[in-house]
Amino acid sequence: MPAVTINWYIALSVVMFTLGAMGVLLRRNALIIFMSIELMLNAANLLFVAFARNFGDINGQIFVFFTMTVAAAEVAVGLALAVVIFRTRESVNIDEMRLMKG
């Protein structure tokens, strides 16, 4: 069985980040966009952990901790905004959210 090298982690991270970027650029649903942003952050986390393991350094895992903290804050604020906007407009479509009039 061949060993998994750093190139496999890089390729998987690139695929995950590309899927997340395409989700942000092409979709109009706010919840899908938030999930795509989370996918992009997880792709970065995968690279941080892979390089930390490859180089034997713990700094990459420390960066992952901070990235997960930012992601949790982003989810909390984004979901709160989506719930408030859904209550007022009955939709989470981004095209309808760009006009932030009460």
PDB file of N, CA and C in Angstrom:
ATOM      1  N   MET A   1       0.845  -1.175   0.000  1.00  0.00           N
ATOM      2  CA  MET A   1       0.000   0.000   0.000  1.00  0.00           C
ATOM      3  C   MET A   1       0.892   1.240   0.000  1.00  0.00           C
ATOM      4  N   PRO A   2       0.720   2.138  -0.966  1.00  0.00           N
ATOM      5  CA  PRO A   2       1.584   3.326  -1.031  1.00  0.00           C
ATOM      6  C   PRO A   2       1.242   4.323   0.082  1.00  0.00           C
ATOM      7  N   ALA A   3       2.258   5.033   0.511  1.00  0.00           N
ATOM      8  CA  ALA A   3       2.074   6.031   1.565  1.00  0.00           C
ATOM      9  C   ALA A   3       1.414   7.282   0.992  1.00  0.00           C
ATOM     10  N   VAL A   4       0.640   7.929   1.815  1.00  0.00           N
ATOM     11  CA  VAL A   4      -0.010   9.173   1.412  1.00  0.00           C
ATOM     12  C   VAL A   4       0.979  10.309   1.626  1.00  0.00           C
ATOM     13  N   THR A   5       1.337  10.985   0.545  1.00  0.00           N
ATOM     14  CA  THR A   5       2.301  12.077   0.628  1.00  0.00           C
ATOM     15  C   THR A   5       1.578  13.408   0.790  1.00  0.00           C
ATOM     16  N   ILE A   6       2.354  14.440   0.955  1.00  0.00           N
ATOM     17  CA  ILE A   6       1.799  15.787   1.113  1.00  0.00           C
ATOM     18  C   ILE A   6       1.074  16.235  -0.154  1.00  0.00           C
ATOM     19  N   ASN A   7       1.466  15.695  -1.297  1.00  0.00           N
ATOM     20  CA  ASN A   7       0.820  16.077  -2.556  1.00  0.00           C
ATOM     21  C   ASN A   7      -0.657  15.684  -2.582  1.00  0.00           C
ATOM     22  N   TRP A   8      -1.006  14.563  -1.960  1.00  0.00           N
ATOM     23  CA  TRP A   8      -2.410  14.155  -1.889  1.00  0.00           C
ATOM     24  C   TRP A   8      -3.221  15.142  -1.056  1.00  0.00           C
ATOM     25  N   TYR A   9      -2.645  15.606   0.048  1.00  0.00           N
ATOM     26  CA  TYR A   9      -3.339  16.580   0.884  1.00  0.00           C
ATOM     27  C   TYR A   9      -3.503  17.910   0.152  1.00  0.00           C
ATOM     28  N   ILE A  10      -2.484  18.315  -0.571  1.00  0.00           N
ATOM     29  CA  ILE A  10      -2.569  19.562  -1.335  1.00  0.00           C
ATOM     30  C   ILE A  10      -3.643  19.451  -2.407  1.00  0.00           C
ATOM     31  N   ALA A  11      -3.689  18.330  -3.112  1.00  0.00           N
ATOM     32  CA  ALA A  11      -4.685  18.143  -4.164  1.00  0.00           C
ATOM     33  C   ALA A  11      -6.102  18.149  -3.575  1.00  0.00           C
ATOM     34  N   LEU A  12      -6.298  17.454  -2.474  1.00  0.00           N
ATOM     35  CA  LEU A  12      -7.615  17.441  -1.838  1.00  0.00           C
ATOM     36  C   LEU A  12      -8.007  18.831  -1.359  1.00  0.00           C
ATOM     37  N   SER A  13      -7.067  19.560  -0.815  1.00  0.00           N
ATOM     38  CA  SER A  13      -7.342  20.911  -0.342  1.00  0.00           C
ATOM     39  C   SER A  13      -7.697  21.839  -1.501  1.00  0.00           C
ATOM     40  N   VAL A  14      -7.007  21.694  -2.620  1.00  0.00           N
ATOM     41  CA  VAL A  14      -7.315  22.516  -3.796  1.00  0.00           C
ATOM     42  C   VAL A  14      -8.719  22.216  -4.303  1.00  0.00           C
ATOM     43  N   VAL A  15      -9.084  20.942  -4.334  1.00  0.00           N
ATOM     44  CA  VAL A  15     -10.427  20.566  -4.784  1.00  0.00           C
ATOM     45  C   VAL A  15     -11.483  21.130  -3.835  1.00  0.00           C
ATOM     46  N   MET A  16     -11.248  20.987  -2.536  1.00  0.00           N
ATOM     47  CA  MET A  16     -12.207  21.511  -1.559  1.00  0.00           C
ATOM     48  C   MET A  16     -12.341  23.021  -1.661  1.00  0.00           C
ATOM     49  N   PHE A  17     -11.214  23.722  -1.799  1.00  0.00           N
ATOM     50  CA  PHE A  17     -11.257  25.180  -1.879  1.00  0.00           C
ATOM     51  C   PHE A  17     -11.950  25.624  -3.162  1.00  0.00           C
ATOM     52  N   THR A  18     -11.699  24.921  -4.266  1.00  0.00           N
ATOM     53  CA  THR A  18     -12.337  25.269  -5.534  1.00  0.00           C
ATOM     54  C   THR A  18     -13.845  25.065  -5.452  1.00  0.00           C
ATOM     55  N   LEU A  19     -14.282  23.965  -4.862  1.00  0.00           N
ATOM     56  CA  LEU A  19     -15.715  23.735  -4.700  1.00  0.00           C
ATOM     57  C   LEU A  19     -16.353  24.823  -3.827  1.00  0.00           C
ATOM     58  N   GLY A  20     -15.659  25.221  -2.769  1.00  0.00           N
ATOM     59  CA  GLY A  20     -16.169  26.288  -1.918  1.00  0.00           C
ATOM     60  C   GLY A  20     -16.241  27.616  -2.637  1.00  0.00           C
ATOM     61  N   ALA A  21     -15.212  27.937  -3.403  1.00  0.00           N
ATOM     62  CA  ALA A  21     -15.212  29.203  -4.149  1.00  0.00           C
ATOM     63  C   ALA A  21     -16.308  29.220  -5.211  1.00  0.00           C
ATOM     64  N   MET A  22     -16.507  28.089  -5.864  1.00  0.00           N
ATOM     65  CA  MET A  22     -17.580  28.014  -6.857  1.00  0.00           C
ATOM     66  C   MET A  22     -18.944  28.156  -6.184  1.00  0.00           C
ATOM     67  N   GLY A  23     -19.095  27.597  -4.999  1.00  0.00           N
ATOM     68  CA  GLY A  23     -20.348  27.751  -4.266  1.00  0.00           C
ATOM     69  C   GLY A  23     -20.618  29.187  -3.880  1.00  0.00           C
ATOM     70  N   VAL A  24     -19.572  29.916  -3.483  1.00  0.00           N
ATOM     71  CA  VAL A  24     -19.745  31.326  -3.130  1.00  0.00           C
ATOM     72  C   VAL A  24     -20.083  32.157  -4.359  1.00  0.00           C
ATOM     73  N   LEU A  25     -19.431  31.872  -5.461  1.00  0.00           N
ATOM     74  CA  LEU A  25     -19.625  32.687  -6.660  1.00  0.00           C
ATOM     75  C   LEU A  25     -20.907  32.372  -7.420  1.00  0.00           C
ATOM     76  N   LEU A  26     -21.365  31.143  -7.386  1.00  0.00           N
ATOM     77  CA  LEU A  26     -22.480  30.747  -8.248  1.00  0.00           C
ATOM     78  C   LEU A  26     -23.832  30.644  -7.546  1.00  0.00           C
ATOM     79  N   ARG A  27     -23.856  30.401  -6.270  1.00  0.00           N
ATOM     80  CA  ARG A  27     -25.124  30.180  -5.579  1.00  0.00           C
ATOM     81  C   ARG A  27     -25.695  31.487  -5.050  1.00  0.00           C
ATOM     82  N   ARG A  28     -27.011  31.522  -4.871  1.00  0.00           N
ATOM     83  CA  ARG A  28     -27.681  32.722  -4.382  1.00  0.00           C
ATOM     84  C   ARG A  28     -28.301  32.554  -3.002  1.00  0.00           C
ATOM     85  N   ASN A  29     -28.288  31.354  -2.478  1.00  0.00           N
ATOM     86  CA  ASN A  29     -28.845  31.095  -1.158  1.00  0.00           C
ATOM     87  C   ASN A  29     -27.791  31.414  -0.108  1.00  0.00           C
ATOM     88  N   ALA A  30     -28.174  32.198   0.898  1.00  0.00           N
ATOM     89  CA  ALA A  30     -27.213  32.635   1.917  1.00  0.00           C
ATOM     90  C   ALA A  30     -26.652  31.457   2.713  1.00  0.00           C
ATOM     91  N   LEU A  31     -27.472  30.462   3.004  1.00  0.00           N
ATOM     92  CA  LEU A  31     -26.987  29.324   3.784  1.00  0.00           C
ATOM     93  C   LEU A  31     -25.977  28.500   2.992  1.00  0.00           C
ATOM     94  N   ILE A  32     -26.205  28.351   1.694  1.00  0.00           N
ATOM     95  CA  ILE A  32     -25.254  27.638   0.844  1.00  0.00           C
ATOM     96  C   ILE A  32     -23.935  28.409   0.773  1.00  0.00           C
ATOM     97  N   ILE A  33     -24.018  29.723   0.724  1.00  0.00           N
ATOM     98  CA  ILE A  33     -22.803  30.539   0.678  1.00  0.00           C
ATOM     99  C   ILE A  33     -22.014  30.396   1.977  1.00  0.00           C
ATOM    100  N   PHE A  34     -22.709  30.382   3.112  1.00  0.00           N
ATOM    101  CA  PHE A  34     -22.013  30.185   4.391  1.00  0.00           C
ATOM    102  C   PHE A  34     -21.363  28.808   4.458  1.00  0.00           C
ATOM    103  N   MET A  35     -22.046  27.788   3.967  1.00  0.00           N
ATOM    104  CA  MET A  35     -21.448  26.450   3.946  1.00  0.00           C
ATOM    105  C   MET A  35     -20.249  26.397   3.008  1.00  0.00           C
ATOM    106  N   SER A  36     -20.299  27.136   1.915  1.00  0.00           N
ATOM    107  CA  SER A  36     -19.164  27.176   0.986  1.00  0.00           C
ATOM    108  C   SER A  36     -17.962  27.873   1.614  1.00  0.00           C
ATOM    109  N   ILE A  37     -18.221  28.911   2.368  1.00  0.00           N
ATOM    110  CA  ILE A  37     -17.127  29.591   3.080  1.00  0.00           C
ATOM    111  C   ILE A  37     -16.506  28.649   4.105  1.00  0.00           C
ATOM    112  N   GLU A  38     -17.344  27.881   4.790  1.00  0.00           N
ATOM    113  CA  GLU A  38     -16.827  26.889   5.743  1.00  0.00           C
ATOM    114  C   GLU A  38     -15.979  25.842   5.029  1.00  0.00           C
ATOM    115  N   LEU A  39     -16.386  25.430   3.847  1.00  0.00           N
ATOM    116  CA  LEU A  39     -15.609  24.465   3.074  1.00  0.00           C
ATOM    117  C   LEU A  39     -14.242  25.038   2.703  1.00  0.00           C
ATOM    118  N   MET A  40     -14.210  26.314   2.339  1.00  0.00           N
ATOM    119  CA  MET A  40     -12.937  26.956   2.015  1.00  0.00           C
ATOM    120  C   MET A  40     -12.039  27.051   3.248  1.00  0.00           C
ATOM    121  N   LEU A  41     -12.613  27.373   4.398  1.00  0.00           N
ATOM    122  CA  LEU A  41     -11.821  27.434   5.627  1.00  0.00           C
ATOM    123  C   LEU A  41     -11.293  26.059   6.013  1.00  0.00           C
ATOM    124  N   ASN A  42     -12.104  25.024   5.811  1.00  0.00           N
ATOM    125  CA  ASN A  42     -11.647  23.670   6.115  1.00  0.00           C
ATOM    126  C   ASN A  42     -10.556  23.214   5.155  1.00  0.00           C
ATOM    127  N   ALA A  43     -10.584  23.677   3.924  1.00  0.00           N
ATOM    128  CA  ALA A  43      -9.496  23.373   2.987  1.00  0.00           C
ATOM    129  C   ALA A  43      -8.193  23.990   3.473  1.00  0.00           C
ATOM    130  N   ALA A  44      -8.270  25.216   3.963  1.00  0.00           N
ATOM    131  CA  ALA A  44      -7.072  25.851   4.522  1.00  0.00           C
ATOM    132  C   ALA A  44      -6.603  25.116   5.768  1.00  0.00           C
ATOM    133  N   ASN A  45      -7.545  24.678   6.607  1.00  0.00           N
ATOM    134  CA  ASN A  45      -7.179  23.917   7.806  1.00  0.00           C
ATOM    135  C   ASN A  45      -6.474  22.617   7.451  1.00  0.00           C
ATOM    136  N   LEU A  46      -6.960  21.945   6.422  1.00  0.00           N
ATOM    137  CA  LEU A  46      -6.326  20.703   5.988  1.00  0.00           C
ATOM    138  C   LEU A  46      -4.875  20.945   5.577  1.00  0.00           C
ATOM    139  N   LEU A  47      -4.638  22.029   4.866  1.00  0.00           N
ATOM    140  CA  LEU A  47      -3.258  22.345   4.475  1.00  0.00           C
ATOM    141  C   LEU A  47      -2.390  22.683   5.677  1.00  0.00           C
ATOM    142  N   PHE A  48      -2.943  23.453   6.614  1.00  0.00           N
ATOM    143  CA  PHE A  48      -2.176  23.787   7.811  1.00  0.00           C
ATOM    144  C   PHE A  48      -1.743  22.527   8.556  1.00  0.00           C
ATOM    145  N   VAL A  49      -2.674  21.598   8.739  1.00  0.00           N
ATOM    146  CA  VAL A  49      -2.362  20.370   9.469  1.00  0.00           C
ATOM    147  C   VAL A  49      -1.398  19.494   8.676  1.00  0.00           C
ATOM    148  N   ALA A  50      -1.597  19.420   7.366  1.00  0.00           N
ATOM    149  CA  ALA A  50      -0.716  18.588   6.536  1.00  0.00           C
ATOM    150  C   ALA A  50       0.717  19.106   6.567  1.00  0.00           C
ATOM    151  N   PHE A  51       0.885  20.415   6.442  1.00  0.00           N
ATOM    152  CA  PHE A  51       2.239  20.965   6.479  1.00  0.00           C
ATOM    153  C   PHE A  51       2.842  20.874   7.878  1.00  0.00           C
ATOM    154  N   ALA A  52       2.024  21.034   8.910  1.00  0.00           N
ATOM    155  CA  ALA A  52       2.536  20.885  10.269  1.00  0.00           C
ATOM    156  C   ALA A  52       3.024  19.459  10.503  1.00  0.00           C
ATOM    157  N   ARG A  53       2.284  18.490   9.998  1.00  0.00           N
ATOM    158  CA  ARG A  53       2.701  17.095  10.138  1.00  0.00           C
ATOM    159  C   ARG A  53       3.947  16.807   9.312  1.00  0.00           C
ATOM    160  N   ASN A  54       3.998  17.368   8.113  1.00  0.00           N
ATOM    161  CA  ASN A  54       5.125  17.113   7.219  1.00  0.00           C
ATOM    162  C   ASN A  54       6.429  17.697   7.773  1.00  0.00           C
ATOM    163  N   PHE A  55       6.355  18.889   8.340  1.00  0.00           N
ATOM    164  CA  PHE A  55       7.551  19.550   8.838  1.00  0.00           C
ATOM    165  C   PHE A  55       7.806  19.301  10.323  1.00  0.00           C
ATOM    166  N   GLY A  56       6.882  18.605  10.994  1.00  0.00           N
ATOM    167  CA  GLY A  56       7.080  18.305  12.403  1.00  0.00           C
ATOM    168  C   GLY A  56       6.979  19.525  13.295  1.00  0.00           C
ATOM    169  N   ASP A  57       6.155  20.489  12.905  1.00  0.00           N
ATOM    170  CA  ASP A  57       6.022  21.739  13.654  1.00  0.00           C
ATOM    171  C   ASP A  57       4.577  21.863  14.127  1.00  0.00           C
ATOM    172  N   ILE A  58       4.371  22.435  15.287  1.00  0.00           N
ATOM    173  CA  ILE A  58       3.022  22.541  15.857  1.00  0.00           C
ATOM    174  C   ILE A  58       2.325  23.834  15.448  1.00  0.00           C
ATOM    175  N   ASN A  59       3.031  24.768  14.832  1.00  0.00           N
ATOM    176  CA  ASN A  59       2.440  26.066  14.500  1.00  0.00           C
ATOM    177  C   ASN A  59       1.245  25.942  13.561  1.00  0.00           C
ATOM    178  N   GLY A  60       1.268  24.996  12.655  1.00  0.00           N
ATOM    179  CA  GLY A  60       0.136  24.806  11.750  1.00  0.00           C
ATOM    180  C   GLY A  60      -1.127  24.427  12.489  1.00  0.00           C
ATOM    181  N   GLN A  61      -0.993  23.621  13.519  1.00  0.00           N
ATOM    182  CA  GLN A  61      -2.165  23.232  14.294  1.00  0.00           C
ATOM    183  C   GLN A  61      -2.671  24.380  15.151  1.00  0.00           C
ATOM    184  N   ILE A  62      -1.794  25.263  15.557  1.00  0.00           N
ATOM    185  CA  ILE A  62      -2.217  26.460  16.282  1.00  0.00           C
ATOM    186  C   ILE A  62      -3.001  27.376  15.351  1.00  0.00           C
ATOM    187  N   PHE A  63      -2.569  27.510  14.105  1.00  0.00           N
ATOM    188  CA  PHE A  63      -3.314  28.296  13.117  1.00  0.00           C
ATOM    189  C   PHE A  63      -4.697  27.702  12.882  1.00  0.00           C
ATOM    190  N   VAL A  64      -4.795  26.390  12.877  1.00  0.00           N
ATOM    191  CA  VAL A  64      -6.091  25.730  12.701  1.00  0.00           C
ATOM    192  C   VAL A  64      -7.024  26.081  13.845  1.00  0.00           C
ATOM    193  N   PHE A  65      -6.501  26.135  15.059  1.00  0.00           N
ATOM    194  CA  PHE A  65      -7.323  26.512  16.207  1.00  0.00           C
ATOM    195  C   PHE A  65      -7.906  27.910  16.017  1.00  0.00           C
ATOM    196  N   PHE A  66      -7.091  28.857  15.590  1.00  0.00           N
ATOM    197  CA  PHE A  66      -7.586  30.219  15.376  1.00  0.00           C
ATOM    198  C   PHE A  66      -8.540  30.292  14.194  1.00  0.00           C
ATOM    199  N   THR A  67      -8.291  29.530  13.154  1.00  0.00           N
ATOM    200  CA  THR A  67      -9.185  29.511  12.001  1.00  0.00           C
ATOM    201  C   THR A  67     -10.543  28.935  12.387  1.00  0.00           C
ATOM    202  N   MET A  68     -10.549  27.908  13.208  1.00  0.00           N
ATOM    203  CA  MET A  68     -11.819  27.338  13.670  1.00  0.00           C
ATOM    204  C   MET A  68     -12.580  28.323  14.545  1.00  0.00           C
ATOM    205  N   THR A  69     -11.863  29.123  15.313  1.00  0.00           N
ATOM    206  CA  THR A  69     -12.506  30.147  16.137  1.00  0.00           C
ATOM    207  C   THR A  69     -13.166  31.203  15.264  1.00  0.00           C
ATOM    208  N   VAL A  70     -12.470  31.649  14.233  1.00  0.00           N
ATOM    209  CA  VAL A  70     -13.034  32.622  13.298  1.00  0.00           C
ATOM    210  C   VAL A  70     -14.225  32.024  12.564  1.00  0.00           C
ATOM    211  N   ALA A  71     -14.134  30.767  12.177  1.00  0.00           N
ATOM    212  CA  ALA A  71     -15.235  30.111  11.474  1.00  0.00           C
ATOM    213  C   ALA A  71     -16.467  30.013  12.366  1.00  0.00           C
ATOM    214  N   ALA A  72     -16.278  29.712  13.641  1.00  0.00           N
ATOM    215  CA  ALA A  72     -17.417  29.628  14.559  1.00  0.00           C
ATOM    216  C   ALA A  72     -18.084  30.986  14.731  1.00  0.00           C
ATOM    217  N   ALA A  73     -17.279  32.029  14.833  1.00  0.00           N
ATOM    218  CA  ALA A  73     -17.844  33.377  14.946  1.00  0.00           C
ATOM    219  C   ALA A  73     -18.579  33.765  13.666  1.00  0.00           C
ATOM    220  N   GLU A  74     -18.022  33.398  12.525  1.00  0.00           N
ATOM    221  CA  GLU A  74     -18.664  33.705  11.236  1.00  0.00           C
ATOM    222  C   GLU A  74     -19.999  32.998  11.118  1.00  0.00           C
ATOM    223  N   VAL A  75     -20.051  31.755  11.548  1.00  0.00           N
ATOM    224  CA  VAL A  75     -21.306  31.002  11.483  1.00  0.00           C
ATOM    225  C   VAL A  75     -22.350  31.617  12.404  1.00  0.00           C
ATOM    226  N   ALA A  76     -21.955  31.985  13.602  1.00  0.00           N
ATOM    227  CA  ALA A  76     -22.908  32.553  14.557  1.00  0.00           C
ATOM    228  C   ALA A  76     -23.492  33.869  14.040  1.00  0.00           C
ATOM    229  N   VAL A  77     -22.637  34.755  13.572  1.00  0.00           N
ATOM    230  CA  VAL A  77     -23.110  36.049  13.081  1.00  0.00           C
ATOM    231  C   VAL A  77     -23.895  35.877  11.781  1.00  0.00           C
ATOM    232  N   GLY A  78     -23.393  35.062  10.879  1.00  0.00           N
ATOM    233  CA  GLY A  78     -24.073  34.861   9.599  1.00  0.00           C
ATOM    234  C   GLY A  78     -25.428  34.214   9.752  1.00  0.00           C
ATOM    235  N   LEU A  79     -25.533  33.222  10.612  1.00  0.00           N
ATOM    236  CA  LEU A  79     -26.814  32.565  10.827  1.00  0.00           C
ATOM    237  C   LEU A  79     -27.809  33.499  11.508  1.00  0.00           C
ATOM    238  N   ALA A  80     -27.342  34.309  12.433  1.00  0.00           N
ATOM    239  CA  ALA A  80     -28.222  35.290  13.073  1.00  0.00           C
ATOM    240  C   ALA A  80     -28.751  36.291  12.049  1.00  0.00           C
ATOM    241  N   LEU A  81     -27.869  36.762  11.160  1.00  0.00           N
ATOM    242  CA  LEU A  81     -28.320  37.678  10.108  1.00  0.00           C
ATOM    243  C   LEU A  81     -29.308  37.000   9.165  1.00  0.00           C
ATOM    244  N   ALA A  82     -29.043  35.762   8.808  1.00  0.00           N
ATOM    245  CA  ALA A  82     -29.939  35.050   7.896  1.00  0.00           C
ATOM    246  C   ALA A  82     -31.318  34.850   8.533  1.00  0.00           C
ATOM    247  N   VAL A  83     -31.370  34.546   9.832  1.00  0.00           N
ATOM    248  CA  VAL A  83     -32.655  34.361  10.504  1.00  0.00           C
ATOM    249  C   VAL A  83     -33.436  35.670  10.555  1.00  0.00           C
ATOM    250  N   VAL A  84     -32.757  36.763  10.863  1.00  0.00           N
ATOM    251  CA  VAL A  84     -33.431  38.061  10.927  1.00  0.00           C
ATOM    252  C   VAL A  84     -33.943  38.470   9.542  1.00  0.00           C
ATOM    253  N   ILE A  85     -33.140  38.280   8.538  1.00  0.00           N
ATOM    254  CA  ILE A  85     -33.568  38.644   7.191  1.00  0.00           C
ATOM    255  C   ILE A  85     -34.688  37.741   6.710  1.00  0.00           C
ATOM    256  N   PHE A  86     -34.645  36.455   7.058  1.00  0.00           N
ATOM    257  CA  PHE A  86     -35.725  35.551   6.670  1.00  0.00           C
ATOM    258  C   PHE A  86     -37.043  35.943   7.328  1.00  0.00           C
ATOM    259  N   ARG A  87     -36.978  36.395   8.559  1.00  0.00           N
ATOM    260  CA  ARG A  87     -38.214  36.813   9.243  1.00  0.00           C
ATOM    261  C   ARG A  87     -38.839  38.032   8.587  1.00  0.00           C
ATOM    262  N   THR A  88     -38.014  38.934   8.071  1.00  0.00           N
ATOM    263  CA  THR A  88     -38.565  40.153   7.476  1.00  0.00           C
ATOM    264  C   THR A  88     -38.931  39.975   6.003  1.00  0.00           C
ATOM    265  N   ARG A  89     -38.159  39.207   5.247  1.00  0.00           N
ATOM    266  CA  ARG A  89     -38.382  39.093   3.806  1.00  0.00           C
ATOM    267  C   ARG A  89     -38.924  37.748   3.352  1.00  0.00           C
ATOM    268  N   GLU A  90     -39.002  36.766   4.259  1.00  0.00           N
ATOM    269  CA  GLU A  90     -39.478  35.418   3.935  1.00  0.00           C
ATOM    270  C   GLU A  90     -38.617  34.710   2.889  1.00  0.00           C
ATOM    271  N   SER A  91     -37.354  35.101   2.768  1.00  0.00           N
ATOM    272  CA  SER A  91     -36.439  34.468   1.813  1.00  0.00           C
ATOM    273  C   SER A  91     -35.012  34.709   2.273  1.00  0.00           C
ATOM    274  N   VAL A  92     -34.104  33.772   1.917  1.00  0.00           N
ATOM    275  CA  VAL A  92     -32.683  33.964   2.193  1.00  0.00           C
ATOM    276  C   VAL A  92     -31.910  34.107   0.880  1.00  0.00           C
ATOM    277  N   ASN A  93     -32.586  34.582  -0.149  1.00  0.00           N
ATOM    278  CA  ASN A  93     -31.957  34.809  -1.445  1.00  0.00           C
ATOM    279  C   ASN A  93     -31.081  36.047  -1.361  1.00  0.00           C
ATOM    280  N   ILE A  94     -29.856  35.934  -1.836  1.00  0.00           N
ATOM    281  CA  ILE A  94     -28.892  37.036  -1.752  1.00  0.00           C
ATOM    282  C   ILE A  94     -29.350  38.246  -2.568  1.00  0.00           C
ATOM    283  N   ASP A  95     -29.994  38.022  -3.686  1.00  0.00           N
ATOM    284  CA  ASP A  95     -30.448  39.139  -4.518  1.00  0.00           C
ATOM    285  C   ASP A  95     -31.467  40.009  -3.796  1.00  0.00           C
ATOM    286  N   GLU A  96     -32.255  39.409  -2.937  1.00  0.00           N
ATOM    287  CA  GLU A  96     -33.227  40.181  -2.172  1.00  0.00           C
ATOM    288  C   GLU A  96     -32.610  40.820  -0.934  1.00  0.00           C
ATOM    289  N   MET A  97     -31.455  40.351  -0.503  1.00  0.00           N
ATOM    290  CA  MET A  97     -30.826  40.890   0.699  1.00  0.00           C
ATOM    291  C   MET A  97     -29.976  42.118   0.416  1.00  0.00           C
ATOM    292  N   ARG A  98     -29.654  42.365  -0.823  1.00  0.00           N
ATOM    293  CA  ARG A  98     -28.716  43.468  -1.085  1.00  0.00           C
ATOM    294  C   ARG A  98     -29.331  44.829  -0.795  1.00  0.00           C
ATOM    295  N   LEU A  99     -30.651  44.920  -0.760  1.00  0.00           N
ATOM    296  CA  LEU A  99     -31.314  46.149  -0.355  1.00  0.00           C
ATOM    297  C   LEU A  99     -31.661  46.032   1.111  1.00  0.00           C
ATOM    298  N   MET A 100     -30.880  46.653   1.961  1.00  0.00           N
ATOM    299  CA  MET A 100     -31.029  46.494   3.415  1.00  0.00           C
ATOM    300  C   MET A 100     -31.963  47.558   3.985  1.00  0.00           C
ATOM    301  N   LYS A 101     -33.063  47.798   3.310  1.00  0.00           N
ATOM    302  CA  LYS A 101     -34.058  48.739   3.824  1.00  0.00           C
ATOM    303  C   LYS A 101     -35.032  47.999   4.704  1.00  0.00           C
ATOM    304  N   GLY A 102     -35.478  48.633   5.788  1.00  0.00           N
ATOM    305  CA  GLY A 102     -36.363  47.994   6.739  1.00  0.00           C
ATOM    306  C   GLY A 102     -37.691  47.749   6.193  1.00  0.00           C
TER     307      GLY A 102
END
